[in-house]
Amino acid sequence: MNNEIQQIIPVLQADGLIILPTDTVWCLACNALNEKALAKMFAIRERGDDFTVLVDNYARLQPYVTRIHPKVTAIIDYHERPLTIIYRNVTGLPESTLGEKDSVGIQITKDGFCKSLIKELDAPLAIMAAHYSDEPCPQNFSEINTKLLQAADYVAKYRREEIEKYDLPTMLRVKKDGELVFLRK
């Protein structure tokens, strides 16, 4: 795993795109702080509104989120499934990553490969499911469109043989008053 991470880091540092397994599905990914890489990823997927920023821990989350509500901390700590939280008034990320009201979905990964990659890169990843918008989300590596695989600068070898089906992450938004609104359970 470490050898592969060492091969991926230069790709991500050079505006590159990778395809890798995450806590949920296989994703197209890039350095979330790199505008050129983000533009490439959005162009390949032909849309820019369905991505998540992936971080490895709370420390990496804090520069982007001005306040982490205590309810959110508890849910992150105790939720067993992957969890994407839509944060408002996010700072420190390129404008192209921000949606309405400077909001973006951020997930703290539990996957060891993703954690190690983010730590070594010293930056969050922007991820989008590895499929085109007119296709179903691939359940495993073998279902990823060949055209998308060829568009990436690197395709991870890690977990390619798995045939397990993964669920999409739980998704929630925190309202101003602290109320949690589940968008996907």
N, C-alpha and C. Protein backbone atom coordinates (compact mmCIF):
# COMPACT_ATOMS: atom_id res chain seq x y z
N MET A 1 0.83 -1.19 0.00
CA MET A 1 0.00 0.00 0.00
C MET A 1 0.87 1.26 0.00
N ASN A 2 1.91 1.30 0.85
CA ASN A 2 2.76 2.49 0.91
C ASN A 2 3.47 2.76 -0.42
N ASN A 3 3.90 1.70 -1.11
CA ASN A 3 4.56 1.85 -2.41
C ASN A 3 3.61 2.51 -3.41
N GLU A 4 2.37 2.08 -3.41
CA GLU A 4 1.40 2.66 -4.33
C GLU A 4 1.13 4.12 -3.98
N ILE A 5 1.03 4.43 -2.73
CA ILE A 5 0.81 5.82 -2.31
C ILE A 5 1.96 6.69 -2.80
N GLN A 6 3.18 6.20 -2.73
CA GLN A 6 4.34 6.95 -3.21
C GLN A 6 4.28 7.17 -4.73
N GLN A 7 3.64 6.29 -5.46
CA GLN A 7 3.45 6.47 -6.90
C GLN A 7 2.34 7.50 -7.18
N ILE A 8 1.34 7.57 -6.33
CA ILE A 8 0.20 8.46 -6.54
C ILE A 8 0.52 9.91 -6.21
N ILE A 9 1.30 10.15 -5.17
CA ILE A 9 1.56 11.52 -4.71
C ILE A 9 2.07 12.43 -5.82
N PRO A 10 3.08 12.05 -6.62
CA PRO A 10 3.52 12.94 -7.69
C PRO A 10 2.43 13.24 -8.72
N VAL A 11 1.55 12.29 -8.96
CA VAL A 11 0.44 12.50 -9.90
C VAL A 11 -0.48 13.60 -9.36
N LEU A 12 -0.82 13.50 -8.09
CA LEU A 12 -1.70 14.50 -7.48
C LEU A 12 -1.03 15.87 -7.39
N GLN A 13 0.26 15.89 -7.18
CA GLN A 13 0.99 17.16 -7.09
C GLN A 13 1.13 17.83 -8.45
N ALA A 14 0.98 17.06 -9.52
CA ALA A 14 1.14 17.58 -10.89
C ALA A 14 -0.21 17.77 -11.58
N ASP A 15 -1.23 18.19 -10.84
CA ASP A 15 -2.58 18.45 -11.38
C ASP A 15 -3.26 17.20 -11.90
N GLY A 16 -2.83 16.03 -11.46
CA GLY A 16 -3.36 14.78 -11.99
C GLY A 16 -4.63 14.30 -11.32
N LEU A 17 -5.27 13.37 -12.02
CA LEU A 17 -6.49 12.72 -11.54
C LEU A 17 -6.21 11.25 -11.31
N ILE A 18 -6.79 10.73 -10.25
CA ILE A 18 -6.64 9.30 -9.97
C ILE A 18 -8.02 8.68 -9.81
N ILE A 19 -8.06 7.38 -9.90
CA ILE A 19 -9.27 6.63 -9.57
C ILE A 19 -8.86 5.70 -8.44
N LEU A 20 -9.65 5.72 -7.35
CA LEU A 20 -9.30 4.92 -6.18
C LEU A 20 -10.54 4.46 -5.45
N PRO A 21 -10.39 3.39 -4.64
CA PRO A 21 -11.52 2.96 -3.81
C PRO A 21 -11.58 3.85 -2.57
N THR A 22 -12.79 4.09 -2.09
CA THR A 22 -12.98 4.88 -0.88
C THR A 22 -13.78 4.05 0.12
N ASP A 23 -14.28 4.68 1.15
CA ASP A 23 -15.14 3.99 2.13
C ASP A 23 -16.40 3.46 1.47
N THR A 24 -16.78 4.06 0.37
CA THR A 24 -18.05 3.71 -0.27
C THR A 24 -17.82 3.09 -1.65
N VAL A 25 -17.65 3.91 -2.65
CA VAL A 25 -17.51 3.43 -4.03
C VAL A 25 -16.16 3.87 -4.60
N TRP A 26 -15.84 3.37 -5.78
CA TRP A 26 -14.65 3.84 -6.49
C TRP A 26 -14.91 5.26 -6.96
N CYS A 27 -13.89 6.11 -6.83
CA CYS A 27 -14.07 7.52 -7.15
C CYS A 27 -12.95 8.06 -8.03
N LEU A 28 -13.29 9.08 -8.80
CA LEU A 28 -12.33 9.92 -9.49
C LEU A 28 -11.92 10.95 -8.45
N ALA A 29 -10.62 11.22 -8.32
CA ALA A 29 -10.16 12.10 -7.25
C ALA A 29 -9.00 12.98 -7.70
N CYS A 30 -8.86 14.10 -6.99
CA CYS A 30 -7.73 15.00 -7.21
C CYS A 30 -7.46 15.76 -5.91
N ASN A 31 -6.39 16.52 -5.90
CA ASN A 31 -6.06 17.38 -4.78
C ASN A 31 -7.16 18.46 -4.71
N ALA A 32 -7.87 18.52 -3.60
CA ALA A 32 -9.00 19.46 -3.47
C ALA A 32 -8.56 20.92 -3.43
N LEU A 33 -7.26 21.18 -3.28
CA LEU A 33 -6.76 22.55 -3.23
C LEU A 33 -6.19 23.00 -4.57
N ASN A 34 -6.26 22.15 -5.58
CA ASN A 34 -5.65 22.42 -6.88
C ASN A 34 -6.72 22.76 -7.92
N GLU A 35 -6.81 24.04 -8.27
CA GLU A 35 -7.83 24.52 -9.22
C GLU A 35 -7.76 23.81 -10.58
N LYS A 36 -6.54 23.62 -11.11
CA LYS A 36 -6.40 22.97 -12.42
C LYS A 36 -6.93 21.54 -12.38
N ALA A 37 -6.57 20.82 -11.33
CA ALA A 37 -7.02 19.44 -11.20
C ALA A 37 -8.53 19.38 -11.04
N LEU A 38 -9.09 20.29 -10.25
CA LEU A 38 -10.54 20.33 -10.09
C LEU A 38 -11.24 20.58 -11.42
N ALA A 39 -10.71 21.53 -12.20
CA ALA A 39 -11.30 21.84 -13.51
C ALA A 39 -11.26 20.61 -14.41
N LYS A 40 -10.14 19.88 -14.40
CA LYS A 40 -10.03 18.65 -15.21
C LYS A 40 -11.07 17.62 -14.76
N MET A 41 -11.20 17.45 -13.46
CA MET A 41 -12.14 16.46 -12.94
C MET A 41 -13.58 16.83 -13.33
N PHE A 42 -13.94 18.11 -13.18
CA PHE A 42 -15.29 18.53 -13.53
C PHE A 42 -15.53 18.35 -15.02
N ALA A 43 -14.52 18.63 -15.85
CA ALA A 43 -14.67 18.49 -17.30
C ALA A 43 -14.86 17.02 -17.70
N ILE A 44 -14.10 16.14 -17.10
CA ILE A 44 -14.20 14.71 -17.43
C ILE A 44 -15.57 14.17 -17.03
N ARG A 45 -16.02 14.52 -15.85
CA ARG A 45 -17.31 14.03 -15.37
C ARG A 45 -18.47 14.82 -15.94
N GLU A 46 -18.18 15.96 -16.60
CA GLU A 46 -19.19 16.79 -17.25
C GLU A 46 -20.20 17.37 -16.28
N ARG A 47 -19.77 17.54 -15.03
CA ARG A 47 -20.58 18.23 -14.03
C ARG A 47 -19.72 18.51 -12.81
N GLY A 48 -20.06 19.52 -12.05
CA GLY A 48 -19.23 19.88 -10.92
C GLY A 48 -19.98 20.02 -9.62
N ASP A 49 -21.16 19.44 -9.54
CA ASP A 49 -21.95 19.68 -8.34
C ASP A 49 -22.17 18.46 -7.46
N ASP A 50 -21.53 17.36 -7.76
CA ASP A 50 -21.78 16.16 -6.96
C ASP A 50 -20.50 15.53 -6.44
N PHE A 51 -19.63 16.36 -5.88
CA PHE A 51 -18.39 15.85 -5.36
C PHE A 51 -18.34 16.08 -3.85
N THR A 52 -17.40 15.42 -3.22
CA THR A 52 -17.19 15.52 -1.78
C THR A 52 -15.72 15.82 -1.54
N VAL A 53 -15.44 16.56 -0.49
CA VAL A 53 -14.07 16.76 -0.05
C VAL A 53 -13.80 15.70 1.01
N LEU A 54 -12.73 14.96 0.84
CA LEU A 54 -12.38 13.86 1.73
C LEU A 54 -11.18 14.27 2.57
N VAL A 55 -11.33 14.20 3.89
CA VAL A 55 -10.23 14.51 4.81
C VAL A 55 -9.94 13.28 5.66
N ASP A 56 -8.78 13.30 6.31
CA ASP A 56 -8.37 12.13 7.09
C ASP A 56 -8.64 12.23 8.58
N ASN A 57 -8.92 13.44 9.09
CA ASN A 57 -9.15 13.59 10.52
C ASN A 57 -9.74 14.98 10.82
N TYR A 58 -10.09 15.18 12.09
CA TYR A 58 -10.65 16.48 12.50
C TYR A 58 -9.67 17.63 12.26
N ALA A 59 -8.40 17.40 12.50
CA ALA A 59 -7.40 18.46 12.33
C ALA A 59 -7.41 18.99 10.90
N ARG A 60 -7.58 18.11 9.92
CA ARG A 60 -7.60 18.55 8.52
C ARG A 60 -8.95 19.21 8.17
N LEU A 61 -9.98 18.88 8.89
CA LEU A 61 -11.30 19.48 8.67
C LEU A 61 -11.35 20.92 9.19
N GLN A 62 -10.72 21.18 10.30
CA GLN A 62 -10.84 22.47 10.99
C GLN A 62 -10.44 23.70 10.18
N PRO A 63 -9.43 23.67 9.31
CA PRO A 63 -9.13 24.90 8.55
C PRO A 63 -10.25 25.34 7.60
N TYR A 64 -11.15 24.45 7.27
CA TYR A 64 -12.18 24.74 6.28
C TYR A 64 -13.55 25.03 6.90
N VAL A 65 -13.76 24.54 8.10
CA VAL A 65 -15.05 24.68 8.77
C VAL A 65 -14.86 25.57 9.99
N THR A 66 -15.54 26.71 10.01
CA THR A 66 -15.34 27.67 11.09
C THR A 66 -15.83 27.15 12.44
N ARG A 67 -16.89 26.35 12.41
CA ARG A 67 -17.41 25.80 13.67
C ARG A 67 -17.99 24.42 13.40
N ILE A 68 -17.53 23.45 14.16
CA ILE A 68 -18.07 22.10 14.05
C ILE A 68 -19.04 21.93 15.22
N HIS A 69 -20.30 21.84 14.88
CA HIS A 69 -21.34 21.73 15.90
C HIS A 69 -21.11 20.46 16.74
N PRO A 70 -21.29 20.51 18.06
CA PRO A 70 -21.09 19.33 18.92
C PRO A 70 -21.91 18.12 18.49
N LYS A 71 -23.12 18.34 17.95
CA LYS A 71 -23.93 17.22 17.47
C LYS A 71 -23.22 16.51 16.32
N VAL A 72 -22.57 17.30 15.47
CA VAL A 72 -21.86 16.73 14.32
C VAL A 72 -20.68 15.89 14.80
N THR A 73 -19.94 16.39 15.76
CA THR A 73 -18.80 15.64 16.30
C THR A 73 -19.27 14.30 16.84
N ALA A 74 -20.36 14.30 17.58
CA ALA A 74 -20.89 13.05 18.14
C ALA A 74 -21.30 12.08 17.04
N ILE A 75 -21.97 12.59 16.02
CA ILE A 75 -22.40 11.72 14.92
C ILE A 75 -21.20 11.15 14.17
N ILE A 76 -20.20 11.98 13.89
CA ILE A 76 -19.00 11.49 13.20
C ILE A 76 -18.34 10.39 14.01
N ASP A 77 -18.23 10.61 15.31
CA ASP A 77 -17.54 9.65 16.17
C ASP A 77 -18.27 8.32 16.28
N TYR A 78 -19.61 8.35 16.26
CA TYR A 78 -20.36 7.13 16.53
C TYR A 78 -21.09 6.53 15.34
N HIS A 79 -21.12 7.23 14.25
CA HIS A 79 -21.81 6.72 13.06
C HIS A 79 -20.94 5.65 12.42
N GLU A 80 -21.51 4.50 12.17
CA GLU A 80 -20.71 3.38 11.64
C GLU A 80 -20.52 3.46 10.13
N ARG A 81 -21.52 3.97 9.42
CA ARG A 81 -21.41 4.08 7.96
C ARG A 81 -20.66 5.36 7.60
N PRO A 82 -20.10 5.42 6.40
CA PRO A 82 -19.49 6.67 5.94
C PRO A 82 -20.53 7.79 5.97
N LEU A 83 -20.06 8.99 6.31
CA LEU A 83 -20.94 10.12 6.56
C LEU A 83 -20.40 11.36 5.89
N THR A 84 -21.19 11.95 5.00
CA THR A 84 -20.84 13.23 4.38
C THR A 84 -21.72 14.30 4.98
N ILE A 85 -21.08 15.37 5.44
CA ILE A 85 -21.81 16.46 6.06
C ILE A 85 -21.65 17.70 5.19
N ILE A 86 -22.77 18.33 4.88
CA ILE A 86 -22.75 19.58 4.11
C ILE A 86 -22.51 20.72 5.11
N TYR A 87 -21.35 21.33 4.99
CA TYR A 87 -21.00 22.45 5.85
C TYR A 87 -21.24 23.75 5.10
N ARG A 88 -21.72 24.77 5.82
CA ARG A 88 -21.93 26.10 5.25
C ARG A 88 -20.77 27.00 5.64
N ASN A 89 -20.60 28.06 4.88
CA ASN A 89 -19.57 29.06 5.16
C ASN A 89 -18.18 28.45 5.28
N VAL A 90 -17.86 27.58 4.35
CA VAL A 90 -16.56 26.94 4.32
C VAL A 90 -15.52 27.94 3.82
N THR A 91 -14.33 27.87 4.38
CA THR A 91 -13.24 28.77 3.99
C THR A 91 -12.02 27.95 3.61
N GLY A 92 -11.10 28.57 2.87
CA GLY A 92 -9.83 27.93 2.59
C GLY A 92 -9.80 26.96 1.43
N LEU A 93 -10.93 26.71 0.81
CA LEU A 93 -10.98 25.82 -0.36
C LEU A 93 -11.15 26.68 -1.61
N PRO A 94 -10.68 26.21 -2.76
CA PRO A 94 -10.89 26.97 -4.00
C PRO A 94 -12.38 27.24 -4.23
N GLU A 95 -12.66 28.41 -4.80
CA GLU A 95 -14.07 28.78 -5.03
C GLU A 95 -14.82 27.76 -5.86
N SER A 96 -14.12 27.07 -6.77
CA SER A 96 -14.80 26.10 -7.62
C SER A 96 -15.32 24.91 -6.83
N THR A 97 -14.87 24.72 -5.59
CA THR A 97 -15.38 23.62 -4.78
C THR A 97 -16.61 24.01 -3.99
N LEU A 98 -16.88 25.30 -3.91
CA LEU A 98 -17.95 25.76 -3.03
C LEU A 98 -19.28 25.89 -3.77
N GLY A 99 -20.31 25.46 -3.13
CA GLY A 99 -21.65 25.56 -3.70
C GLY A 99 -22.38 26.75 -3.14
N GLU A 100 -23.69 26.64 -3.13
CA GLU A 100 -24.55 27.70 -2.62
C GLU A 100 -24.18 28.03 -1.17
N LYS A 101 -24.11 29.31 -0.87
CA LYS A 101 -23.77 29.80 0.48
C LYS A 101 -22.42 29.27 0.94
N ASP A 102 -21.48 29.15 0.00
CA ASP A 102 -20.14 28.66 0.33
C ASP A 102 -20.20 27.34 1.09
N SER A 103 -21.01 26.42 0.59
CA SER A 103 -21.17 25.13 1.25
C SER A 103 -20.51 24.03 0.43
N VAL A 104 -20.12 22.98 1.14
CA VAL A 104 -19.50 21.83 0.48
C VAL A 104 -19.69 20.60 1.38
N GLY A 105 -19.81 19.44 0.75
CA GLY A 105 -19.88 18.19 1.48
C GLY A 105 -18.48 17.72 1.84
N ILE A 106 -18.26 17.41 3.10
CA ILE A 106 -16.96 16.95 3.57
C ILE A 106 -17.16 15.65 4.35
N GLN A 107 -16.28 14.70 4.09
CA GLN A 107 -16.34 13.41 4.77
C GLN A 107 -14.99 13.11 5.40
N ILE A 108 -15.00 12.68 6.65
CA ILE A 108 -13.77 12.18 7.27
C ILE A 108 -13.72 10.69 6.95
N THR A 109 -12.73 10.30 6.17
CA THR A 109 -12.64 8.91 5.74
C THR A 109 -12.20 8.00 6.88
N LYS A 110 -12.67 6.79 6.82
CA LYS A 110 -12.24 5.75 7.76
C LYS A 110 -11.36 4.73 7.03
N ASP A 111 -11.28 4.84 5.71
CA ASP A 111 -10.51 3.90 4.90
C ASP A 111 -9.00 4.17 5.08
N GLY A 112 -8.25 3.14 5.44
CA GLY A 112 -6.82 3.28 5.72
C GLY A 112 -6.01 3.78 4.53
N PHE A 113 -6.33 3.31 3.33
CA PHE A 113 -5.62 3.74 2.13
C PHE A 113 -5.84 5.23 1.89
N CYS A 114 -7.09 5.66 1.96
CA CYS A 114 -7.42 7.08 1.75
C CYS A 114 -6.78 7.94 2.83
N LYS A 115 -6.84 7.50 4.09
CA LYS A 115 -6.22 8.25 5.19
C LYS A 115 -4.73 8.45 4.93
N SER A 116 -4.05 7.37 4.56
CA SER A 116 -2.61 7.46 4.31
C SER A 116 -2.29 8.36 3.14
N LEU A 117 -3.08 8.29 2.10
CA LEU A 117 -2.87 9.11 0.91
C LEU A 117 -3.04 10.60 1.24
N ILE A 118 -4.09 10.94 1.96
CA ILE A 118 -4.34 12.34 2.33
C ILE A 118 -3.23 12.85 3.25
N LYS A 119 -2.83 12.02 4.18
CA LYS A 119 -1.76 12.42 5.11
C LYS A 119 -0.47 12.68 4.35
N GLU A 120 -0.11 11.79 3.44
CA GLU A 120 1.14 11.94 2.68
C GLU A 120 1.07 13.14 1.74
N LEU A 121 -0.08 13.37 1.12
CA LEU A 121 -0.28 14.52 0.23
C LEU A 121 -0.31 15.82 1.04
N ASP A 122 -0.74 15.72 2.27
CA ASP A 122 -0.92 16.87 3.17
C ASP A 122 -1.96 17.84 2.60
N ALA A 123 -3.03 17.25 2.06
CA ALA A 123 -4.12 18.04 1.50
C ALA A 123 -5.35 17.12 1.37
N PRO A 124 -6.54 17.72 1.42
CA PRO A 124 -7.74 16.91 1.22
C PRO A 124 -7.88 16.50 -0.24
N LEU A 125 -8.69 15.49 -0.47
CA LEU A 125 -9.01 15.06 -1.84
C LEU A 125 -10.42 15.52 -2.19
N ALA A 126 -10.62 15.89 -3.44
CA ALA A 126 -11.97 16.08 -3.99
C ALA A 126 -12.30 14.78 -4.70
N ILE A 127 -13.46 14.20 -4.39
CA ILE A 127 -13.83 12.91 -4.99
C ILE A 127 -15.21 13.00 -5.62
N MET A 128 -15.36 12.26 -6.72
CA MET A 128 -16.64 12.09 -7.40
C MET A 128 -16.74 10.61 -7.77
N ALA A 129 -17.91 10.03 -7.63
CA ALA A 129 -18.09 8.63 -8.00
C ALA A 129 -17.58 8.40 -9.42
N ALA A 130 -16.93 7.28 -9.64
CA ALA A 130 -16.29 6.98 -10.92
C ALA A 130 -17.30 6.48 -11.95
N HIS A 131 -18.14 7.40 -12.40
CA HIS A 131 -19.09 7.09 -13.47
C HIS A 131 -19.52 8.40 -14.11
N TYR A 132 -20.03 8.28 -15.32
CA TYR A 132 -20.59 9.45 -16.00
C TYR A 132 -22.03 9.64 -15.53
N SER A 133 -22.55 10.85 -15.68
CA SER A 133 -23.86 11.16 -15.12
C SER A 133 -25.00 10.35 -15.73
N ASP A 134 -24.82 9.81 -16.93
CA ASP A 134 -25.88 9.02 -17.54
C ASP A 134 -25.72 7.52 -17.27
N GLU A 135 -24.81 7.16 -16.36
CA GLU A 135 -24.56 5.76 -16.02
C GLU A 135 -24.86 5.52 -14.55
N PRO A 136 -25.15 4.26 -14.20
CA PRO A 136 -25.29 3.95 -12.78
C PRO A 136 -23.92 3.97 -12.09
N CYS A 137 -23.96 4.19 -10.80
CA CYS A 137 -22.72 4.20 -10.01
C CYS A 137 -22.14 2.78 -9.99
N PRO A 138 -20.85 2.61 -10.28
CA PRO A 138 -20.27 1.27 -10.28
C PRO A 138 -20.23 0.68 -8.87
N GLN A 139 -20.57 -0.57 -8.76
CA GLN A 139 -20.56 -1.25 -7.46
C GLN A 139 -19.18 -1.79 -7.09
N ASN A 140 -18.32 -1.94 -8.09
CA ASN A 140 -16.95 -2.39 -7.84
C ASN A 140 -16.08 -1.97 -9.02
N PHE A 141 -14.80 -2.24 -8.94
CA PHE A 141 -13.85 -1.77 -9.96
C PHE A 141 -14.22 -2.25 -11.36
N SER A 142 -14.66 -3.49 -11.49
CA SER A 142 -14.93 -4.05 -12.82
C SER A 142 -16.05 -3.34 -13.56
N GLU A 143 -16.88 -2.56 -12.86
CA GLU A 143 -18.00 -1.86 -13.49
C GLU A 143 -17.66 -0.43 -13.92
N ILE A 144 -16.43 0.02 -13.71
CA ILE A 144 -16.06 1.39 -14.09
C ILE A 144 -15.88 1.45 -15.60
N ASN A 145 -16.45 2.46 -16.22
CA ASN A 145 -16.36 2.69 -17.65
C ASN A 145 -14.89 2.80 -18.08
N THR A 146 -14.51 2.05 -19.09
CA THR A 146 -13.14 2.05 -19.60
C THR A 146 -12.68 3.44 -20.02
N LYS A 147 -13.58 4.20 -20.61
CA LYS A 147 -13.24 5.57 -21.04
C LYS A 147 -12.82 6.42 -19.84
N LEU A 148 -13.51 6.26 -18.72
CA LEU A 148 -13.16 7.01 -17.51
C LEU A 148 -11.81 6.53 -16.96
N LEU A 149 -11.58 5.24 -16.98
CA LEU A 149 -10.29 4.71 -16.52
C LEU A 149 -9.14 5.28 -17.35
N GLN A 150 -9.35 5.41 -18.65
CA GLN A 150 -8.31 5.95 -19.54
C GLN A 150 -8.11 7.44 -19.34
N ALA A 151 -9.13 8.14 -18.87
CA ALA A 151 -9.02 9.59 -18.66
C ALA A 151 -8.21 9.93 -17.41
N ALA A 152 -8.11 9.00 -16.48
CA ALA A 152 -7.36 9.23 -15.25
C ALA A 152 -5.86 9.12 -15.52
N ASP A 153 -5.09 9.84 -14.72
CA ASP A 153 -3.63 9.77 -14.83
C ASP A 153 -3.05 8.58 -14.07
N TYR A 154 -3.83 8.05 -13.14
CA TYR A 154 -3.39 6.87 -12.38
C TYR A 154 -4.63 6.17 -11.85
N VAL A 155 -4.63 4.84 -11.92
CA VAL A 155 -5.72 4.04 -11.38
C VAL A 155 -5.13 3.14 -10.30
N ALA A 156 -5.64 3.27 -9.09
CA ALA A 156 -5.13 2.49 -7.96
C ALA A 156 -5.29 0.99 -8.20
N LYS A 157 -4.32 0.25 -7.75
CA LYS A 157 -4.37 -1.21 -7.83
C LYS A 157 -5.04 -1.79 -6.57
N TYR A 158 -5.03 -1.01 -5.53
CA TYR A 158 -5.56 -1.41 -4.23
C TYR A 158 -7.06 -1.74 -4.32
N ARG A 159 -7.46 -2.90 -3.84
CA ARG A 159 -8.84 -3.38 -3.74
C ARG A 159 -9.55 -3.60 -5.08
N ARG A 160 -8.81 -3.71 -6.17
CA ARG A 160 -9.46 -3.93 -7.47
C ARG A 160 -10.24 -5.24 -7.52
N GLU A 161 -9.75 -6.25 -6.83
CA GLU A 161 -10.36 -7.58 -6.91
C GLU A 161 -11.65 -7.71 -6.10
N GLU A 162 -11.94 -6.76 -5.24
CA GLU A 162 -13.14 -6.85 -4.41
C GLU A 162 -14.41 -6.79 -5.26
N ILE A 163 -15.39 -7.58 -4.86
CA ILE A 163 -16.67 -7.57 -5.58
C ILE A 163 -17.82 -7.15 -4.65
N GLU A 164 -17.46 -6.73 -3.43
CA GLU A 164 -18.47 -6.25 -2.49
C GLU A 164 -19.18 -5.03 -3.06
N LYS A 165 -20.42 -4.89 -2.65
CA LYS A 165 -21.17 -3.70 -3.04
C LYS A 165 -21.23 -2.78 -1.84
N TYR A 166 -20.93 -1.52 -2.07
CA TYR A 166 -20.90 -0.54 -1.00
C TYR A 166 -22.06 0.43 -1.16
N ASP A 167 -22.56 0.89 -0.04
CA ASP A 167 -23.63 1.88 -0.04
C ASP A 167 -23.04 3.27 -0.18
N LEU A 168 -23.82 4.17 -0.72
CA LEU A 168 -23.43 5.57 -0.73
C LEU A 168 -23.44 6.07 0.72
N PRO A 169 -22.68 7.10 1.01
CA PRO A 169 -22.62 7.56 2.41
C PRO A 169 -23.93 8.20 2.87
N THR A 170 -24.14 8.16 4.16
CA THR A 170 -25.21 8.93 4.76
C THR A 170 -24.85 10.39 4.53
N MET A 171 -25.82 11.23 4.25
CA MET A 171 -25.55 12.64 3.99
C MET A 171 -26.47 13.49 4.84
N LEU A 172 -25.87 14.49 5.49
CA LEU A 172 -26.69 15.39 6.28
C LEU A 172 -26.19 16.81 6.20
N ARG A 173 -27.08 17.73 6.56
CA ARG A 173 -26.78 19.16 6.58
C ARG A 173 -27.10 19.65 8.00
N VAL A 174 -26.29 20.57 8.47
CA VAL A 174 -26.54 21.19 9.76
C VAL A 174 -27.15 22.55 9.51
N LYS A 175 -28.34 22.76 10.02
CA LYS A 175 -29.00 24.06 9.88
C LYS A 175 -28.39 25.05 10.87
N LYS A 176 -28.65 26.33 10.67
CA LYS A 176 -28.09 27.38 11.52
C LYS A 176 -28.40 27.14 13.00
N ASP A 177 -29.59 26.61 13.28
CA ASP A 177 -29.99 26.41 14.67
C ASP A 177 -29.43 25.12 15.27
N GLY A 178 -28.62 24.40 14.49
CA GLY A 178 -28.01 23.16 14.98
C GLY A 178 -28.81 21.91 14.66
N GLU A 179 -30.00 22.10 14.09
CA GLU A 179 -30.82 20.95 13.73
C GLU A 179 -30.12 20.18 12.60
N LEU A 180 -30.13 18.86 12.70
CA LEU A 180 -29.53 18.00 11.68
C LEU A 180 -30.62 17.55 10.71
N VAL A 181 -30.38 17.74 9.43
CA VAL A 181 -31.32 17.33 8.41
C VAL A 181 -30.66 16.24 7.57
N PHE A 182 -31.21 15.04 7.62
CA PHE A 182 -30.65 13.93 6.84
C PHE A 182 -31.15 14.03 5.41
N LEU A 183 -30.20 14.11 4.47
CA LEU A 183 -30.52 14.18 3.05
C LEU A 183 -30.50 12.80 2.42
N ARG A 184 -29.71 11.89 2.99
CA ARG A 184 -29.67 10.49 2.54
C ARG A 184 -29.30 9.66 3.76
N LYS A 185 -30.09 8.64 4.03
CA LYS A 185 -29.81 7.77 5.19
C LYS A 185 -29.16 6.49 4.75
